[in-house]
C-alpha atoms as a PDB file:
ATOM      1  CA  MET A   1      33.721 -47.424 -14.559  1.00  0.00           C
ATOM      2  CA  ARG A   2      31.583 -47.929 -17.663  1.00  0.00           C
ATOM      3  CA  ASP A   3      30.128 -44.425 -17.212  1.00  0.00           C
ATOM      4  CA  MET A   4      33.251 -42.785 -18.567  1.00  0.00           C
ATOM      5  CA  GLU A   5      32.760 -41.055 -21.925  1.00  0.00           C
ATOM      6  CA  THR A   6      35.879 -42.664 -23.331  1.00  0.00           C
ATOM      7  CA  ALA A   7      35.098 -46.165 -22.067  1.00  0.00           C
ATOM      8  CA  PRO A   8      35.617 -48.788 -24.747  1.00  0.00           C
ATOM      9  CA  ASP A   9      32.755 -51.105 -25.615  1.00  0.00           C
ATOM     10  CA  LEU A  10      34.265 -54.572 -25.405  1.00  0.00           C
ATOM     11  CA  ASP A  11      31.003 -56.518 -25.420  1.00  0.00           C
ATOM     12  CA  GLY A  12      31.314 -59.609 -27.602  1.00  0.00           C
ATOM     13  CA  ARG A  13      35.094 -59.697 -27.480  1.00  0.00           C
ATOM     14  CA  THR A  14      37.419 -62.084 -25.663  1.00  0.00           C
ATOM     15  CA  ALA A  15      40.591 -60.923 -23.946  1.00  0.00           C
ATOM     16  CA  LEU A  16      43.565 -62.948 -22.757  1.00  0.00           C
ATOM     17  CA  VAL A  17      45.848 -61.239 -20.251  1.00  0.00           C
ATOM     18  CA  THR A  18      49.087 -63.042 -19.491  1.00  0.00           C
ATOM     19  CA  GLY A  19      50.130 -63.112 -15.866  1.00  0.00           C
ATOM     20  CA  SER A  20      46.645 -62.102 -14.763  1.00  0.00           C
ATOM     21  CA  ALA A  21      46.095 -64.300 -11.717  1.00  0.00           C
ATOM     22  CA  LYS A  22      47.600 -61.692  -9.386  1.00  0.00           C
ATOM     23  CA  ARG A  23      48.688 -58.085  -8.963  1.00  0.00           C
ATOM     24  CA  VAL A  24      48.749 -55.720 -11.960  1.00  0.00           C
ATOM     25  CA  GLY A  25      47.672 -58.404 -14.438  1.00  0.00           C
ATOM     26  CA  ARG A  26      44.609 -59.159 -12.311  1.00  0.00           C
ATOM     27  CA  GLU A  27      43.647 -55.480 -12.215  1.00  0.00           C
ATOM     28  CA  LEU A  28      44.098 -55.145 -15.987  1.00  0.00           C
ATOM     29  CA  LEU A  29      41.944 -58.207 -16.577  1.00  0.00           C
ATOM     30  CA  LEU A  30      39.201 -57.061 -14.195  1.00  0.00           C
ATOM     31  CA  THR A  31      39.143 -53.639 -15.868  1.00  0.00           C
ATOM     32  CA  ILE A  32      38.715 -55.303 -19.260  1.00  0.00           C
ATOM     33  CA  ALA A  33      35.920 -57.466 -17.805  1.00  0.00           C
ATOM     34  CA  ALA A  34      34.239 -54.335 -16.416  1.00  0.00           C
ATOM     35  CA  TYR A  35      34.120 -53.000 -19.987  1.00  0.00           C
ATOM     36  CA  GLY A  36      32.252 -56.122 -21.111  1.00  0.00           C
ATOM     37  CA  ALA A  37      34.846 -58.502 -22.586  1.00  0.00           C
ATOM     38  CA  ASP A  38      34.892 -62.184 -21.736  1.00  0.00           C
ATOM     39  CA  VAL A  39      38.288 -62.886 -20.203  1.00  0.00           C
ATOM     40  CA  VAL A  40      40.956 -65.562 -20.057  1.00  0.00           C
ATOM     41  CA  VAL A  41      43.046 -65.555 -16.887  1.00  0.00           C
ATOM     42  CA  HIS A  42      46.552 -66.829 -17.638  1.00  0.00           C
ATOM     43  CA  TYR A  43      48.764 -68.259 -14.921  1.00  0.00           C
ATOM     44  CA  ARG A  44      51.900 -70.337 -14.691  1.00  0.00           C
ATOM     45  CA  ASN A  45      51.814 -71.631 -11.100  1.00  0.00           C
ATOM     46  CA  SER A  46      48.963 -69.776  -9.351  1.00  0.00           C
ATOM     47  CA  ALA A  47      45.933 -71.948 -10.163  1.00  0.00           C
ATOM     48  CA  ASP A  48      43.951 -70.983  -7.057  1.00  0.00           C
ATOM     49  CA  ALA A  49      44.557 -67.265  -7.571  1.00  0.00           C
ATOM     50  CA  ALA A  50      43.610 -67.629 -11.258  1.00  0.00           C
ATOM     51  CA  GLU A  51      40.303 -69.279 -10.360  1.00  0.00           C
ATOM     52  CA  GLU A  52      39.612 -66.513  -7.822  1.00  0.00           C
ATOM     53  CA  THR A  53      40.336 -63.872 -10.467  1.00  0.00           C
ATOM     54  CA  ALA A  54      38.040 -65.623 -12.964  1.00  0.00           C
ATOM     55  CA  ALA A  55      35.278 -65.683 -10.331  1.00  0.00           C
ATOM     56  CA  ALA A  56      35.786 -61.952  -9.685  1.00  0.00           C
ATOM     57  CA  ALA A  57      35.554 -61.259 -13.425  1.00  0.00           C
ATOM     58  CA  ARG A  58      32.264 -63.180 -13.667  1.00  0.00           C
ATOM     59  CA  GLU A  59      30.799 -60.708 -11.173  1.00  0.00           C
ATOM     60  CA  TYR A  60      30.813 -58.202 -14.073  1.00  0.00           C
ATOM     61  CA  GLY A  61      28.446 -60.476 -16.006  1.00  0.00           C
ATOM     62  CA  VAL A  62      31.054 -61.824 -18.422  1.00  0.00           C
ATOM     63  CA  ASP A  63      32.351 -65.322 -19.074  1.00  0.00           C
ATOM     64  CA  ALA A  64      35.785 -66.120 -17.677  1.00  0.00           C
ATOM     65  CA  THR A  65      38.136 -69.070 -17.690  1.00  0.00           C
ATOM     66  CA  ALA A  66      41.642 -69.764 -16.423  1.00  0.00           C
ATOM     67  CA  VAL A  67      44.411 -71.321 -18.521  1.00  0.00           C
ATOM     68  CA  GLN A  68      47.855 -72.486 -17.469  1.00  0.00           C
ATOM     69  CA  GLY A  69      50.852 -71.856 -19.676  1.00  0.00           C
ATOM     70  CA  GLU A  70      54.576 -71.240 -19.747  1.00  0.00           C
ATOM     71  CA  ILE A  71      55.086 -68.352 -22.146  1.00  0.00           C
ATOM     72  CA  THR A  72      58.714 -69.255 -22.802  1.00  0.00           C
ATOM     73  CA  ASP A  73      57.588 -72.542 -24.392  1.00  0.00           C
ATOM     74  CA  PRO A  74      55.963 -72.302 -27.859  1.00  0.00           C
ATOM     75  CA  GLU A  75      54.041 -75.566 -27.422  1.00  0.00           C
ATOM     76  CA  SER A  76      52.668 -74.343 -24.112  1.00  0.00           C
ATOM     77  CA  VAL A  77      51.609 -71.056 -25.739  1.00  0.00           C
ATOM     78  CA  ASP A  78      49.782 -73.001 -28.482  1.00  0.00           C
ATOM     79  CA  ALA A  79      48.053 -75.151 -25.857  1.00  0.00           C
ATOM     80  CA  MET A  80      47.140 -72.020 -23.889  1.00  0.00           C
ATOM     81  CA  PHE A  81      45.463 -70.427 -26.920  1.00  0.00           C
ATOM     82  CA  SER A  82      43.711 -73.694 -27.803  1.00  0.00           C
ATOM     83  CA  ALA A  83      42.289 -73.969 -24.283  1.00  0.00           C
ATOM     84  CA  ALA A  84      41.228 -70.314 -24.295  1.00  0.00           C
ATOM     85  CA  GLU A  85      39.541 -70.600 -27.689  1.00  0.00           C
ATOM     86  CA  SER A  86      37.819 -73.868 -26.736  1.00  0.00           C
ATOM     87  CA  ALA A  87      36.336 -72.183 -23.696  1.00  0.00           C
ATOM     88  CA  LEU A  88      35.482 -68.703 -25.016  1.00  0.00           C
ATOM     89  CA  GLY A  89      36.090 -68.528 -28.773  1.00  0.00           C
ATOM     90  CA  THR A  90      38.600 -66.460 -30.695  1.00  0.00           C
ATOM     91  CA  VAL A  91      40.932 -64.285 -28.647  1.00  0.00           C
ATOM     92  CA  ASP A  92      40.308 -60.724 -29.843  1.00  0.00           C
ATOM     93  CA  ILE A  93      42.438 -58.859 -27.310  1.00  0.00           C
ATOM     94  CA  LEU A  94      45.857 -59.928 -26.067  1.00  0.00           C
ATOM     95  CA  VAL A  95      47.624 -58.128 -23.244  1.00  0.00           C
ATOM     96  CA  LYS A  96      51.131 -59.382 -22.604  1.00  0.00           C
ATOM     97  CA  ASN A  97      51.674 -58.608 -18.953  1.00  0.00           C
ATOM     98  CA  VAL A  98      54.293 -60.895 -17.524  1.00  0.00           C
ATOM     99  CA  GLY A  99      55.743 -59.594 -14.290  1.00  0.00           C
ATOM    100  CA  ASN A 100      59.263 -60.869 -14.778  1.00  0.00           C
ATOM    101  CA  PHE A 101      59.704 -59.972 -18.461  1.00  0.00           C
ATOM    102  CA  ASP A 102      62.562 -57.629 -19.260  1.00  0.00           C
ATOM    103  CA  ALA A 103      61.502 -56.011 -22.557  1.00  0.00           C
ATOM    104  CA  ARG A 104      64.933 -54.446 -23.085  1.00  0.00           C
ATOM    105  CA  HIS A 105      66.517 -57.852 -23.526  1.00  0.00           C
ATOM    106  CA  GLY A 106      63.625 -60.096 -24.577  1.00  0.00           C
ATOM    107  CA  ARG A 107      64.250 -62.389 -21.619  1.00  0.00           C
ATOM    108  CA  THR A 108      62.478 -63.279 -18.429  1.00  0.00           C
ATOM    109  CA  SER A 109      64.269 -62.622 -15.138  1.00  0.00           C
ATOM    110  CA  SER A 110      65.245 -66.302 -15.082  1.00  0.00           C
ATOM    111  CA  GLY A 111      67.209 -65.729 -18.298  1.00  0.00           C
ATOM    112  CA  ARG A 112      64.897 -67.673 -20.615  1.00  0.00           C
ATOM    113  CA  ARG A 113      64.041 -66.070 -23.930  1.00  0.00           C
ATOM    114  CA  SER A 114      60.431 -64.900 -24.089  1.00  0.00           C
ATOM    115  CA  VAL A 115      58.266 -66.413 -26.808  1.00  0.00           C
ATOM    116  CA  THR A 116      56.446 -63.786 -28.852  1.00  0.00           C
ATOM    117  CA  LEU A 117      52.752 -64.364 -28.479  1.00  0.00           C
ATOM    118  CA  SER A 118      52.180 -63.835 -32.187  1.00  0.00           C
ATOM    119  CA  LYS A 119      49.115 -66.031 -32.699  1.00  0.00           C
ATOM    120  CA  ALA A 120      46.800 -63.063 -32.131  1.00  0.00           C
ATOM    121  CA  ARG A 121      48.915 -60.843 -34.390  1.00  0.00           C
ATOM    122  CA  SER A 122      48.445 -63.185 -37.347  1.00  0.00           C
ATOM    123  CA  THR A 123      44.654 -62.958 -37.288  1.00  0.00           C
ATOM    124  CA  GLY A 124      43.964 -59.360 -38.284  1.00  0.00           C
ATOM    125  CA  ARG A 125      44.310 -57.678 -34.904  1.00  0.00           C
ATOM    126  CA  SER A 126      45.702 -54.212 -34.400  1.00  0.00           C
ATOM    127  CA  CYS A 127      48.603 -54.482 -31.988  1.00  0.00           C
ATOM    128  CA  ALA A 128      50.564 -52.029 -29.897  1.00  0.00           C
ATOM    129  CA  PHE A 129      53.932 -53.053 -28.532  1.00  0.00           C
ATOM    130  CA  GLY A 130      55.988 -51.225 -26.012  1.00  0.00           C
ATOM    131  CA  GLY A 131      57.495 -51.188 -22.586  1.00  0.00           C
ATOM    132  CA  HIS A 132      56.221 -53.904 -20.308  1.00  0.00           C
ATOM    133  CA  SER A 133      52.919 -54.786 -21.978  1.00  0.00           C
ATOM    134  CA  THR A 134      51.616 -55.614 -25.418  1.00  0.00           C
ATOM    135  CA  GLY A 135      48.014 -55.264 -26.469  1.00  0.00           C
ATOM    136  CA  CYS A 136      46.162 -56.421 -29.554  1.00  0.00           C
ATOM    137  CA  VAL A 137      42.600 -55.531 -30.473  1.00  0.00           C
ATOM    138  CA  LYS A 138      40.629 -56.807 -33.445  1.00  0.00           C
ATOM    139  CA  PRO A 139      39.117 -53.858 -35.315  1.00  0.00           C
ATOM    140  CA  ALA A 140      35.331 -53.585 -34.975  1.00  0.00           C
ATOM    141  CA  GLY A 141      33.594 -55.507 -37.739  1.00  0.00           C
ATOM    142  CA  ALA A 142      36.763 -57.374 -38.782  1.00  0.00           C
ATOM    143  CA  GLU A 143      36.525 -61.016 -39.726  1.00  0.00           C
ATOM    144  CA  SER A 144      38.211 -63.510 -37.368  1.00  0.00           C
END
C-alpha cells in the first residue's frame, strides 16, 4: 500500500478514528497505520475487538492503543482524548466514523445528539467535514 505515488507520509503523526474497533472504522484505522501513523482505536462497547484492532495495527510497526468513550457525552469525549494523548501524544488526525451517526440530523440512531469532536479542530488542524466522516490533519511543520 505504501508504494502508491500518492500515498501520504503519516510517520510521526497520531490518528484517532472513532468507531474503529470493527468494520469500516477498523479498515480506515488500519489503512492509516499502514501509512505510518500511530493510531488510537476508539470503541464504546467492543473492548476485545478494539484490542484486536490495536494489535493488528502494531503489525505495521506503529504504536497503537484503545480508548473507550461515548461520543454523545462531552465529558467522555474529553476523557477519551486525555487517554489517547497520555498514551501516544497529541492527536494530529481525527476521523469521525461512527456507524450509527445520521449526519443529516446531527443525531445518532438512538436519537441522542452527537457531540462535535472539536478538540482537534481547536489546535491548528485542517479539517474536512462531510457526509458520514470527518477528518482533521495537522499541516506539516505546524506547532501543536
